[in-house]
Amino acid sequence: MDERSDRIGRNEALFRTVNERVREVNEAFSVVLEQSDFVCECGDGECAETIRLTLDEYEQVRADPTQFAVVPGHEIPDVETVVFANDRYALLRKDPGGPARLAAETDPRSD
């Protein structure tokens, strides 16, 4: 895997870890909040945009450690594939090989 792909993957992994903490906080308010704001998990380390997901949608994203949720249009086609998109978010899956392996290795739920 080249340096660029590694940097993109590490940025996405960092945002995923932040969102795990967001989920923990939002679970306490799930009766009140239908949707919650999560950090865009794109590979751009400068991105500060958010996406709105239900906790069920967030769990569907996390069901596969190679998946990430981003603002539509934030995908990077040479390292990931859009598998679902709507007006609120795009669901990405890392391409096989190095990007998918890095995503799985950095999954906070695999500890």
PDB file of N, CA and C in Angstrom:
ATOM      1  N   MET A   1       0.854  -1.170   0.000  1.00  0.00           N
ATOM      2  CA  MET A   1       0.000   0.000   0.000  1.00  0.00           C
ATOM      3  C   MET A   1       0.900   1.232   0.000  1.00  0.00           C
ATOM      4  N   ASP A   2       0.563   2.219  -0.837  1.00  0.00           N
ATOM      5  CA  ASP A   2       1.401   3.410  -0.917  1.00  0.00           C
ATOM      6  C   ASP A   2       1.117   4.367   0.243  1.00  0.00           C
ATOM      7  N   GLU A   3       1.969   5.367   0.385  1.00  0.00           N
ATOM      8  CA  GLU A   3       1.879   6.303   1.506  1.00  0.00           C
ATOM      9  C   GLU A   3       0.543   7.062   1.516  1.00  0.00           C
ATOM     10  N   ARG A   4       0.059   7.466   0.342  1.00  0.00           N
ATOM     11  CA  ARG A   4      -1.201   8.189   0.252  1.00  0.00           C
ATOM     12  C   ARG A   4      -2.364   7.338   0.750  1.00  0.00           C
ATOM     13  N   SER A   5      -2.438   6.095   0.294  1.00  0.00           N
ATOM     14  CA  SER A   5      -3.510   5.195   0.727  1.00  0.00           C
ATOM     15  C   SER A   5      -3.442   4.950   2.229  1.00  0.00           C
ATOM     16  N   ASP A   6      -2.237   4.830   2.741  1.00  0.00           N
ATOM     17  CA  ASP A   6      -2.056   4.632   4.185  1.00  0.00           C
ATOM     18  C   ASP A   6      -2.560   5.850   4.956  1.00  0.00           C
ATOM     19  N   ARG A   7      -2.212   7.060   4.507  1.00  0.00           N
ATOM     20  CA  ARG A   7      -2.648   8.283   5.174  1.00  0.00           C
ATOM     21  C   ARG A   7      -4.175   8.403   5.143  1.00  0.00           C
ATOM     22  N   ILE A   8      -4.774   8.122   3.991  1.00  0.00           N
ATOM     23  CA  ILE A   8      -6.234   8.164   3.867  1.00  0.00           C
ATOM     24  C   ILE A   8      -6.865   7.183   4.849  1.00  0.00           C
ATOM     25  N   GLY A   9      -6.351   5.962   4.890  1.00  0.00           N
ATOM     26  CA  GLY A   9      -6.882   4.939   5.782  1.00  0.00           C
ATOM     27  C   GLY A   9      -6.753   5.306   7.247  1.00  0.00           C
ATOM     28  N   ARG A  10      -5.633   5.892   7.615  1.00  0.00           N
ATOM     29  CA  ARG A  10      -5.438   6.289   9.020  1.00  0.00           C
ATOM     30  C   ARG A  10      -6.365   7.448   9.396  1.00  0.00           C
ATOM     31  N   ASN A  11      -6.588   8.388   8.473  1.00  0.00           N
ATOM     32  CA  ASN A  11      -7.543   9.469   8.740  1.00  0.00           C
ATOM     33  C   ASN A  11      -8.940   8.895   8.954  1.00  0.00           C
ATOM     34  N   GLU A  12      -9.352   7.981   8.097  1.00  0.00           N
ATOM     35  CA  GLU A  12     -10.676   7.365   8.225  1.00  0.00           C
ATOM     36  C   GLU A  12     -10.797   6.594   9.537  1.00  0.00           C
ATOM     37  N   ALA A  13      -9.741   5.887   9.908  1.00  0.00           N
ATOM     38  CA  ALA A  13      -9.754   5.129  11.161  1.00  0.00           C
ATOM     39  C   ALA A  13      -9.885   6.062  12.358  1.00  0.00           C
ATOM     40  N   LEU A  14      -9.213   7.210  12.320  1.00  0.00           N
ATOM     41  CA  LEU A  14      -9.317   8.179  13.408  1.00  0.00           C
ATOM     42  C   LEU A  14     -10.753   8.678  13.534  1.00  0.00           C
ATOM     43  N   PHE A  15     -11.381   9.049  12.412  1.00  0.00           N
ATOM     44  CA  PHE A  15     -12.755   9.548  12.447  1.00  0.00           C
ATOM     45  C   PHE A  15     -13.715   8.460  12.921  1.00  0.00           C
ATOM     46  N   ARG A  16     -13.445   7.215  12.557  1.00  0.00           N
ATOM     47  CA  ARG A  16     -14.287   6.105  13.015  1.00  0.00           C
ATOM     48  C   ARG A  16     -14.199   5.979  14.536  1.00  0.00           C
ATOM     49  N   THR A  17     -13.013   6.115  15.097  1.00  0.00           N
ATOM     50  CA  THR A  17     -12.837   6.039  16.543  1.00  0.00           C
ATOM     51  C   THR A  17     -13.579   7.178  17.244  1.00  0.00           C
ATOM     52  N   VAL A  18     -13.516   8.371  16.680  1.00  0.00           N
ATOM     53  CA  VAL A  18     -14.275   9.501  17.235  1.00  0.00           C
ATOM     54  C   VAL A  18     -15.761   9.161  17.224  1.00  0.00           C
ATOM     55  N   ASN A  19     -16.249   8.591  16.131  1.00  0.00           N
ATOM     56  CA  ASN A  19     -17.669   8.268  16.033  1.00  0.00           C
ATOM     57  C   ASN A  19     -18.092   7.176  17.005  1.00  0.00           C
ATOM     58  N   GLU A  20     -17.204   6.300  17.355  1.00  0.00           N
ATOM     59  CA  GLU A  20     -17.535   5.300  18.371  1.00  0.00           C
ATOM     60  C   GLU A  20     -17.840   5.995  19.702  1.00  0.00           C
ATOM     61  N   ARG A  21     -17.091   7.042  20.028  1.00  0.00           N
ATOM     62  CA  ARG A  21     -17.354   7.798  21.256  1.00  0.00           C
ATOM     63  C   ARG A  21     -18.669   8.575  21.123  1.00  0.00           C
ATOM     64  N   VAL A  22     -18.919   9.146  19.944  1.00  0.00           N
ATOM     65  CA  VAL A  22     -20.179   9.852  19.700  1.00  0.00           C
ATOM     66  C   VAL A  22     -21.349   8.896  19.904  1.00  0.00           C
ATOM     67  N   ARG A  23     -21.223   7.681  19.382  1.00  0.00           N
ATOM     68  CA  ARG A  23     -22.284   6.673  19.529  1.00  0.00           C
ATOM     69  C   ARG A  23     -22.556   6.393  21.004  1.00  0.00           C
ATOM     70  N   GLU A  24     -21.511   6.229  21.785  1.00  0.00           N
ATOM     71  CA  GLU A  24     -21.677   5.941  23.204  1.00  0.00           C
ATOM     72  C   GLU A  24     -22.474   7.045  23.901  1.00  0.00           C
ATOM     73  N   VAL A  25     -22.166   8.286  23.585  1.00  0.00           N
ATOM     74  CA  VAL A  25     -22.893   9.407  24.181  1.00  0.00           C
ATOM     75  C   VAL A  25     -24.333   9.416  23.690  1.00  0.00           C
ATOM     76  N   ASN A  26     -24.528   9.225  22.394  1.00  0.00           N
ATOM     77  CA  ASN A  26     -25.869   9.295  21.819  1.00  0.00           C
ATOM     78  C   ASN A  26     -26.761   8.138  22.250  1.00  0.00           C
ATOM     79  N   GLU A  27     -26.191   6.992  22.543  1.00  0.00           N
ATOM     80  CA  GLU A  27     -27.015   5.871  23.006  1.00  0.00           C
ATOM     81  C   GLU A  27     -27.767   6.228  24.277  1.00  0.00           C
ATOM     82  N   ALA A  28     -27.169   7.041  25.105  1.00  0.00           N
ATOM     83  CA  ALA A  28     -27.825   7.456  26.349  1.00  0.00           C
ATOM     84  C   ALA A  28     -29.065   8.300  26.071  1.00  0.00           C
ATOM     85  N   PHE A  29     -29.120   8.937  24.882  1.00  0.00           N
ATOM     86  CA  PHE A  29     -30.232   9.807  24.524  1.00  0.00           C
ATOM     87  C   PHE A  29     -31.075   9.239  23.388  1.00  0.00           C
ATOM     88  N   SER A  30     -30.968   7.954  23.104  1.00  0.00           N
ATOM     89  CA  SER A  30     -31.636   7.369  21.934  1.00  0.00           C
ATOM     90  C   SER A  30     -33.149   7.497  21.976  1.00  0.00           C
ATOM     91  N   VAL A  31     -33.717   7.584  23.143  1.00  0.00           N
ATOM     92  CA  VAL A  31     -35.169   7.754  23.247  1.00  0.00           C
ATOM     93  C   VAL A  31     -35.559   9.147  22.752  1.00  0.00           C
ATOM     94  N   VAL A  32     -34.707  10.129  22.961  1.00  0.00           N
ATOM     95  CA  VAL A  32     -34.990  11.510  22.601  1.00  0.00           C
ATOM     96  C   VAL A  32     -34.585  11.812  21.163  1.00  0.00           C
ATOM     97  N   LEU A  33     -33.434  11.321  20.726  1.00  0.00           N
ATOM     98  CA  LEU A  33     -32.880  11.664  19.418  1.00  0.00           C
ATOM     99  C   LEU A  33     -33.183  10.585  18.385  1.00  0.00           C
ATOM    100  N   GLU A  34     -33.865  10.981  17.302  1.00  0.00           N
ATOM    101  CA  GLU A  34     -34.111  10.035  16.222  1.00  0.00           C
ATOM    102  C   GLU A  34     -32.848   9.839  15.386  1.00  0.00           C
ATOM    103  N   GLN A  35     -32.146  10.944  15.122  1.00  0.00           N
ATOM    104  CA  GLN A  35     -30.891  10.894  14.392  1.00  0.00           C
ATOM    105  C   GLN A  35     -29.834  11.637  15.196  1.00  0.00           C
ATOM    106  N   SER A  36     -28.588  11.264  14.966  1.00  0.00           N
ATOM    107  CA  SER A  36     -27.476  11.895  15.665  1.00  0.00           C
ATOM    108  C   SER A  36     -26.456  12.391  14.658  1.00  0.00           C
ATOM    109  N   ASP A  37     -25.692  13.383  15.061  1.00  0.00           N
ATOM    110  CA  ASP A  37     -24.615  13.892  14.212  1.00  0.00           C
ATOM    111  C   ASP A  37     -23.363  13.070  14.459  1.00  0.00           C
ATOM    112  N   PHE A  38     -22.784  12.596  13.367  1.00  0.00           N
ATOM    113  CA  PHE A  38     -21.519  11.870  13.406  1.00  0.00           C
ATOM    114  C   PHE A  38     -20.522  12.607  12.522  1.00  0.00           C
ATOM    115  N   VAL A  39     -19.252  12.408  12.791  1.00  0.00           N
ATOM    116  CA  VAL A  39     -18.192  13.014  12.003  1.00  0.00           C
ATOM    117  C   VAL A  39     -18.073  12.279  10.669  1.00  0.00           C
ATOM    118  N   CYS A  40     -17.923  13.033   9.590  1.00  0.00           N
ATOM    119  CA  CYS A  40     -17.660  12.420   8.290  1.00  0.00           C
ATOM    120  C   CYS A  40     -16.374  11.593   8.413  1.00  0.00           C
ATOM    121  N   GLU A  41     -16.422  10.355   7.946  1.00  0.00           N
ATOM    122  CA  GLU A  41     -15.276   9.444   8.084  1.00  0.00           C
ATOM    123  C   GLU A  41     -14.426   9.382   6.819  1.00  0.00           C
ATOM    124  N   CYS A  42     -14.414  10.474   6.063  1.00  0.00           N
ATOM    125  CA  CYS A  42     -13.647  10.475   4.816  1.00  0.00           C
ATOM    126  C   CYS A  42     -12.142  10.519   5.108  1.00  0.00           C
ATOM    127  N   GLY A  43     -11.365  10.335   4.073  1.00  0.00           N
ATOM    128  CA  GLY A  43      -9.920  10.293   4.214  1.00  0.00           C
ATOM    129  C   GLY A  43      -9.245  11.644   4.288  1.00  0.00           C
ATOM    130  N   ASP A  44     -10.012  12.741   4.207  1.00  0.00           N
ATOM    131  CA  ASP A  44      -9.456  14.086   4.268  1.00  0.00           C
ATOM    132  C   ASP A  44      -9.288  14.495   5.725  1.00  0.00           C
ATOM    133  N   GLY A  45      -8.065  14.571   6.194  1.00  0.00           N
ATOM    134  CA  GLY A  45      -7.787  14.911   7.582  1.00  0.00           C
ATOM    135  C   GLY A  45      -8.249  16.299   7.985  1.00  0.00           C
ATOM    136  N   GLU A  46      -8.562  17.157   7.016  1.00  0.00           N
ATOM    137  CA  GLU A  46      -9.032  18.515   7.286  1.00  0.00           C
ATOM    138  C   GLU A  46     -10.558  18.611   7.330  1.00  0.00           C
ATOM    139  N   CYS A  47     -11.258  17.553   6.983  1.00  0.00           N
ATOM    140  CA  CYS A  47     -12.721  17.580   6.922  1.00  0.00           C
ATOM    141  C   CYS A  47     -13.299  17.736   8.329  1.00  0.00           C
ATOM    142  N   ALA A  48     -14.266  18.642   8.448  1.00  0.00           N
ATOM    143  CA  ALA A  48     -14.932  18.862   9.733  1.00  0.00           C
ATOM    144  C   ALA A  48     -16.451  18.779   9.574  1.00  0.00           C
ATOM    145  N   GLU A  49     -16.905  18.166   8.482  1.00  0.00           N
ATOM    146  CA  GLU A  49     -18.339  18.069   8.233  1.00  0.00           C
ATOM    147  C   GLU A  49     -18.943  16.919   9.026  1.00  0.00           C
ATOM    148  N   THR A  50     -20.242  17.001   9.226  1.00  0.00           N
ATOM    149  CA  THR A  50     -20.951  15.954   9.943  1.00  0.00           C
ATOM    150  C   THR A  50     -22.022  15.343   9.055  1.00  0.00           C
ATOM    151  N   ILE A  51     -22.446  14.147   9.443  1.00  0.00           N
ATOM    152  CA  ILE A  51     -23.541  13.451   8.775  1.00  0.00           C
ATOM    153  C   ILE A  51     -24.554  13.054   9.837  1.00  0.00           C
ATOM    154  N   ARG A  52     -25.801  12.944   9.430  1.00  0.00           N
ATOM    155  CA  ARG A  52     -26.862  12.545  10.362  1.00  0.00           C
ATOM    156  C   ARG A  52     -27.229  11.107  10.083  1.00  0.00           C
ATOM    157  N   LEU A  53     -27.144  10.290  11.136  1.00  0.00           N
ATOM    158  CA  LEU A  53     -27.480   8.876  11.048  1.00  0.00           C
ATOM    159  C   LEU A  53     -28.347   8.491  12.236  1.00  0.00           C
ATOM    160  N   THR A  54     -29.218   7.524  12.036  1.00  0.00           N
ATOM    161  CA  THR A  54     -29.862   6.901  13.187  1.00  0.00           C
ATOM    162  C   THR A  54     -28.835   5.955  13.810  1.00  0.00           C
ATOM    163  N   LEU A  55     -29.059   5.546  15.041  1.00  0.00           N
ATOM    164  CA  LEU A  55     -28.130   4.592  15.651  1.00  0.00           C
ATOM    165  C   LEU A  55     -28.158   3.262  14.908  1.00  0.00           C
ATOM    166  N   ASP A  56     -29.323   2.866  14.362  1.00  0.00           N
ATOM    167  CA  ASP A  56     -29.397   1.637  13.563  1.00  0.00           C
ATOM    168  C   ASP A  56     -28.554   1.760  12.297  1.00  0.00           C
ATOM    169  N   GLU A  57     -28.625   2.911  11.620  1.00  0.00           N
ATOM    170  CA  GLU A  57     -27.800   3.108  10.425  1.00  0.00           C
ATOM    171  C   GLU A  57     -26.321   3.054  10.788  1.00  0.00           C
ATOM    172  N   TYR A  58     -25.958   3.670  11.894  1.00  0.00           N
ATOM    173  CA  TYR A  58     -24.563   3.650  12.321  1.00  0.00           C
ATOM    174  C   TYR A  58     -24.099   2.216  12.574  1.00  0.00           C
ATOM    175  N   GLU A  59     -24.948   1.412  13.214  1.00  0.00           N
ATOM    176  CA  GLU A  59     -24.589   0.020  13.467  1.00  0.00           C
ATOM    177  C   GLU A  59     -24.454  -0.772  12.170  1.00  0.00           C
ATOM    178  N   GLN A  60     -25.252  -0.449  11.160  1.00  0.00           N
ATOM    179  CA  GLN A  60     -25.118  -1.115   9.861  1.00  0.00           C
ATOM    180  C   GLN A  60     -23.770  -0.779   9.230  1.00  0.00           C
ATOM    181  N   VAL A  61     -23.324   0.466   9.372  1.00  0.00           N
ATOM    182  CA  VAL A  61     -22.005   0.852   8.865  1.00  0.00           C
ATOM    183  C   VAL A  61     -20.930   0.048   9.584  1.00  0.00           C
ATOM    184  N   ARG A  62     -21.011  -0.028  10.905  1.00  0.00           N
ATOM    185  CA  ARG A  62     -19.993  -0.700  11.716  1.00  0.00           C
ATOM    186  C   ARG A  62     -20.041  -2.220  11.624  1.00  0.00           C
ATOM    187  N   ALA A  63     -21.066  -2.780  11.000  1.00  0.00           N
ATOM    188  CA  ALA A  63     -21.175  -4.245  10.882  1.00  0.00           C
ATOM    189  C   ALA A  63     -20.016  -4.840  10.091  1.00  0.00           C
ATOM    190  N   ASP A  64     -19.371  -4.038   9.269  1.00  0.00           N
ATOM    191  CA  ASP A  64     -18.240  -4.488   8.458  1.00  0.00           C
ATOM    192  C   ASP A  64     -17.097  -3.517   8.719  1.00  0.00           C
ATOM    193  N   PRO A  65     -15.956  -3.979   9.227  1.00  0.00           N
ATOM    194  CA  PRO A  65     -14.870  -3.057   9.571  1.00  0.00           C
ATOM    195  C   PRO A  65     -14.259  -2.335   8.370  1.00  0.00           C
ATOM    196  N   THR A  66     -14.611  -2.742   7.156  1.00  0.00           N
ATOM    197  CA  THR A  66     -14.080  -2.060   5.972  1.00  0.00           C
ATOM    198  C   THR A  66     -15.035  -0.992   5.448  1.00  0.00           C
ATOM    199  N   GLN A  67     -16.099  -0.693   6.201  1.00  0.00           N
ATOM    200  CA  GLN A  67     -17.081   0.293   5.780  1.00  0.00           C
ATOM    201  C   GLN A  67     -16.925   1.592   6.565  1.00  0.00           C
ATOM    202  N   PHE A  68     -17.224   2.693   5.879  1.00  0.00           N
ATOM    203  CA  PHE A  68     -17.167   4.021   6.469  1.00  0.00           C
ATOM    204  C   PHE A  68     -18.325   4.846   5.943  1.00  0.00           C
ATOM    205  N   ALA A  69     -18.815   5.798   6.751  1.00  0.00           N
ATOM    206  CA  ALA A  69     -19.895   6.695   6.355  1.00  0.00           C
ATOM    207  C   ALA A  69     -19.317   8.096   6.140  1.00  0.00           C
ATOM    208  N   VAL A  70     -19.645   8.688   4.984  1.00  0.00           N
ATOM    209  CA  VAL A  70     -19.099   9.994   4.635  1.00  0.00           C
ATOM    210  C   VAL A  70     -20.182  10.898   4.064  1.00  0.00           C
ATOM    211  N   VAL A  71     -19.868  12.176   4.011  1.00  0.00           N
ATOM    212  CA  VAL A  71     -20.712  13.133   3.309  1.00  0.00           C
ATOM    213  C   VAL A  71     -20.702  12.725   1.830  1.00  0.00           C
ATOM    214  N   PRO A  72     -21.862  12.691   1.173  1.00  0.00           N
ATOM    215  CA  PRO A  72     -21.862  12.349  -0.258  1.00  0.00           C
ATOM    216  C   PRO A  72     -20.881  13.237  -1.032  1.00  0.00           C
ATOM    217  N   GLY A  73     -20.086  12.602  -1.880  1.00  0.00           N
ATOM    218  CA  GLY A  73     -19.074  13.307  -2.645  1.00  0.00           C
ATOM    219  C   GLY A  73     -17.690  13.265  -2.022  1.00  0.00           C
ATOM    220  N   HIS A  74     -17.562  12.766  -0.796  1.00  0.00           N
ATOM    221  CA  HIS A  74     -16.265  12.698  -0.124  1.00  0.00           C
ATOM    222  C   HIS A  74     -15.541  11.372  -0.359  1.00  0.00           C
ATOM    223  N   GLU A  75     -16.090  10.524  -1.205  1.00  0.00           N
ATOM    224  CA  GLU A  75     -15.436   9.252  -1.480  1.00  0.00           C
ATOM    225  C   GLU A  75     -14.166   9.479  -2.306  1.00  0.00           C
ATOM    226  N   ILE A  76     -13.245   8.530  -2.197  1.00  0.00           N
ATOM    227  CA  ILE A  76     -11.985   8.562  -2.950  1.00  0.00           C
ATOM    228  C   ILE A  76     -11.962   7.283  -3.791  1.00  0.00           C
ATOM    229  N   PRO A  77     -12.402   7.375  -5.043  1.00  0.00           N
ATOM    230  CA  PRO A  77     -12.669   6.191  -5.867  1.00  0.00           C
ATOM    231  C   PRO A  77     -11.507   5.216  -6.060  1.00  0.00           C
ATOM    232  N   ASP A  78     -10.265   5.659  -5.940  1.00  0.00           N
ATOM    233  CA  ASP A  78      -9.168   4.721  -6.168  1.00  0.00           C
ATOM    234  C   ASP A  78      -8.831   3.865  -4.953  1.00  0.00           C
ATOM    235  N   VAL A  79      -9.490   4.110  -3.796  1.00  0.00           N
ATOM    236  CA  VAL A  79      -9.234   3.274  -2.618  1.00  0.00           C
ATOM    237  C   VAL A  79     -10.500   2.737  -1.966  1.00  0.00           C
ATOM    238  N   GLU A  80     -11.682   3.146  -2.481  1.00  0.00           N
ATOM    239  CA  GLU A  80     -12.944   2.714  -1.877  1.00  0.00           C
ATOM    240  C   GLU A  80     -14.073   2.768  -2.905  1.00  0.00           C
ATOM    241  N   THR A  81     -15.146   2.050  -2.593  1.00  0.00           N
ATOM    242  CA  THR A  81     -16.297   1.957  -3.478  1.00  0.00           C
ATOM    243  C   THR A  81     -17.549   2.368  -2.713  1.00  0.00           C
ATOM    244  N   VAL A  82     -18.398   3.165  -3.349  1.00  0.00           N
ATOM    245  CA  VAL A  82     -19.679   3.530  -2.747  1.00  0.00           C
ATOM    246  C   VAL A  82     -20.612   2.331  -2.889  1.00  0.00           C
ATOM    247  N   VAL A  83     -21.145   1.848  -1.770  1.00  0.00           N
ATOM    248  CA  VAL A  83     -22.066   0.706  -1.814  1.00  0.00           C
ATOM    249  C   VAL A  83     -23.508   1.125  -1.542  1.00  0.00           C
ATOM    250  N   PHE A  84     -23.684   2.358  -1.040  1.00  0.00           N
ATOM    251  CA  PHE A  84     -25.019   2.896  -0.786  1.00  0.00           C
ATOM    252  C   PHE A  84     -24.882   4.404  -0.635  1.00  0.00           C
ATOM    253  N   ALA A  85     -25.882   5.138  -1.075  1.00  0.00           N
ATOM    254  CA  ALA A  85     -25.879   6.584  -0.866  1.00  0.00           C
ATOM    255  C   ALA A  85     -27.306   7.100  -0.805  1.00  0.00           C
ATOM    256  N   ASN A  86     -27.508   8.093   0.027  1.00  0.00           N
ATOM    257  CA  ASN A  86     -28.765   8.820   0.039  1.00  0.00           C
ATOM    258  C   ASN A  86     -28.416  10.300   0.198  1.00  0.00           C
ATOM    259  N   ASP A  87     -29.385  11.131   0.507  1.00  0.00           N
ATOM    260  CA  ASP A  87     -29.109  12.561   0.609  1.00  0.00           C
ATOM    261  C   ASP A  87     -28.338  12.938   1.875  1.00  0.00           C
ATOM    262  N   ARG A  88     -28.245  12.054   2.854  1.00  0.00           N
ATOM    263  CA  ARG A  88     -27.557  12.352   4.111  1.00  0.00           C
ATOM    264  C   ARG A  88     -26.138  11.809   4.188  1.00  0.00           C
ATOM    265  N   TYR A  89     -25.905  10.632   3.615  1.00  0.00           N
ATOM    266  CA  TYR A  89     -24.573  10.038   3.720  1.00  0.00           C
ATOM    267  C   TYR A  89     -24.339   9.015   2.608  1.00  0.00           C
ATOM    268  N   ALA A  90     -23.060   8.714   2.397  1.00  0.00           N
ATOM    269  CA  ALA A  90     -22.654   7.640   1.488  1.00  0.00           C
ATOM    270  C   ALA A  90     -21.938   6.586   2.319  1.00  0.00           C
ATOM    271  N   LEU A  91     -22.233   5.339   2.031  1.00  0.00           N
ATOM    272  CA  LEU A  91     -21.577   4.211   2.703  1.00  0.00           C
ATOM    273  C   LEU A  91     -20.492   3.697   1.770  1.00  0.00           C
ATOM    274  N   LEU A  92     -19.268   3.691   2.258  1.00  0.00           N
ATOM    275  CA  LEU A  92     -18.112   3.256   1.468  1.00  0.00           C
ATOM    276  C   LEU A  92     -17.587   1.933   1.979  1.00  0.00           C
ATOM    277  N   ARG A  93     -17.003   1.172   1.080  1.00  0.00           N
ATOM    278  CA  ARG A  93     -16.280  -0.044   1.463  1.00  0.00           C
ATOM    279  C   ARG A  93     -14.881   0.081   0.889  1.00  0.00           C
ATOM    280  N   LYS A  94     -13.897  -0.137   1.753  1.00  0.00           N
ATOM    281  CA  LYS A  94     -12.504  -0.061   1.313  1.00  0.00           C
ATOM    282  C   LYS A  94     -12.218  -1.159   0.304  1.00  0.00           C
ATOM    283  N   ASP A  95     -11.402  -0.834  -0.692  1.00  0.00           N
ATOM    284  CA  ASP A  95     -11.033  -1.808  -1.713  1.00  0.00           C
ATOM    285  C   ASP A  95     -10.193  -2.923  -1.105  1.00  0.00           C
ATOM    286  N   PRO A  96     -10.285  -4.125  -1.685  1.00  0.00           N
ATOM    287  CA  PRO A  96      -9.497  -5.259  -1.170  1.00  0.00           C
ATOM    288  C   PRO A  96      -8.003  -4.955  -1.173  1.00  0.00           C
ATOM    289  N   GLY A  97      -7.299  -5.666  -0.354  1.00  0.00           N
ATOM    290  CA  GLY A  97      -5.859  -5.486  -0.259  1.00  0.00           C
ATOM    291  C   GLY A  97      -5.507  -4.592   0.910  1.00  0.00           C
ATOM    292  N   GLY A  98      -4.508  -3.744   0.713  1.00  0.00           N
ATOM    293  CA  GLY A  98      -3.997  -2.894   1.782  1.00  0.00           C
ATOM    294  C   GLY A  98      -5.033  -2.008   2.454  1.00  0.00           C
ATOM    295  N   PRO A  99      -5.864  -1.264   1.685  1.00  0.00           N
ATOM    296  CA  PRO A  99      -6.850  -0.402   2.350  1.00  0.00           C
ATOM    297  C   PRO A  99      -7.831  -1.183   3.239  1.00  0.00           C
ATOM    298  N   ALA A 100      -8.329  -2.306   2.770  1.00  0.00           N
ATOM    299  CA  ALA A 100      -9.266  -3.108   3.574  1.00  0.00           C
ATOM    300  C   ALA A 100      -8.558  -3.711   4.784  1.00  0.00           C
ATOM    301  N   ARG A 101      -7.339  -4.147   4.609  1.00  0.00           N
ATOM    302  CA  ARG A 101      -6.570  -4.736   5.713  1.00  0.00           C
ATOM    303  C   ARG A 101      -6.321  -3.682   6.805  1.00  0.00           C
ATOM    304  N   LEU A 102      -5.921  -2.469   6.405  1.00  0.00           N
ATOM    305  CA  LEU A 102      -5.713  -1.401   7.379  1.00  0.00           C
ATOM    306  C   LEU A 102      -7.007  -1.066   8.107  1.00  0.00           C
ATOM    307  N   ALA A 103      -8.124  -1.017   7.400  1.00  0.00           N
ATOM    308  CA  ALA A 103      -9.411  -0.725   8.028  1.00  0.00           C
ATOM    309  C   ALA A 103      -9.752  -1.778   9.076  1.00  0.00           C
ATOM    310  N   ALA A 104      -9.532  -3.047   8.746  1.00  0.00           N
ATOM    311  CA  ALA A 104      -9.828  -4.120   9.688  1.00  0.00           C
ATOM    312  C   ALA A 104      -8.885  -4.096  10.895  1.00  0.00           C
ATOM    313  N   GLU A 105      -7.610  -3.801  10.653  1.00  0.00           N
ATOM    314  CA  GLU A 105      -6.619  -3.762  11.731  1.00  0.00           C
ATOM    315  C   GLU A 105      -6.864  -2.622  12.713  1.00  0.00           C
ATOM    316  N   THR A 106      -7.454  -1.517  12.241  1.00  0.00           N
ATOM    317  CA  THR A 106      -7.669  -0.359  13.093  1.00  0.00           C
ATOM    318  C   THR A 106      -9.097  -0.277  13.625  1.00  0.00           C
ATOM    319  N   ASP A 107      -9.893  -1.305  13.412  1.00  0.00           N
ATOM    320  CA  ASP A 107     -11.281  -1.306  13.868  1.00  0.00           C
ATOM    321  C   ASP A 107     -11.319  -1.349  15.387  1.00  0.00           C
ATOM    322  N   PRO A 108     -11.891  -0.308  16.040  1.00  0.00           N
ATOM    323  CA  PRO A 108     -11.914  -0.301  17.495  1.00  0.00           C
ATOM    324  C   PRO A 108     -12.793  -1.404  18.099  1.00  0.00           C
ATOM    325  N   ARG A 109     -13.658  -1.999  17.303  1.00  0.00           N
ATOM    326  CA  ARG A 109     -14.522  -3.067  17.811  1.00  0.00           C
ATOM    327  C   ARG A 109     -13.844  -4.442  17.736  1.00  0.00           C
ATOM    328  N   SER A 110     -12.671  -4.516  17.176  1.00  0.00           N
ATOM    329  CA  SER A 110     -12.016  -5.822  17.045  1.00  0.00           C
ATOM    330  C   SER A 110     -11.045  -6.102  18.190  1.00  0.00           C
ATOM    331  N   ASP A 111     -10.986  -5.203  19.154  1.00  0.00           N
ATOM    332  CA  ASP A 111     -10.070  -5.408  20.297  1.00  0.00           C
ATOM    333  C   ASP A 111     -10.529  -6.501  21.202  1.00  0.00           C
TER     334      ASP A 111
END
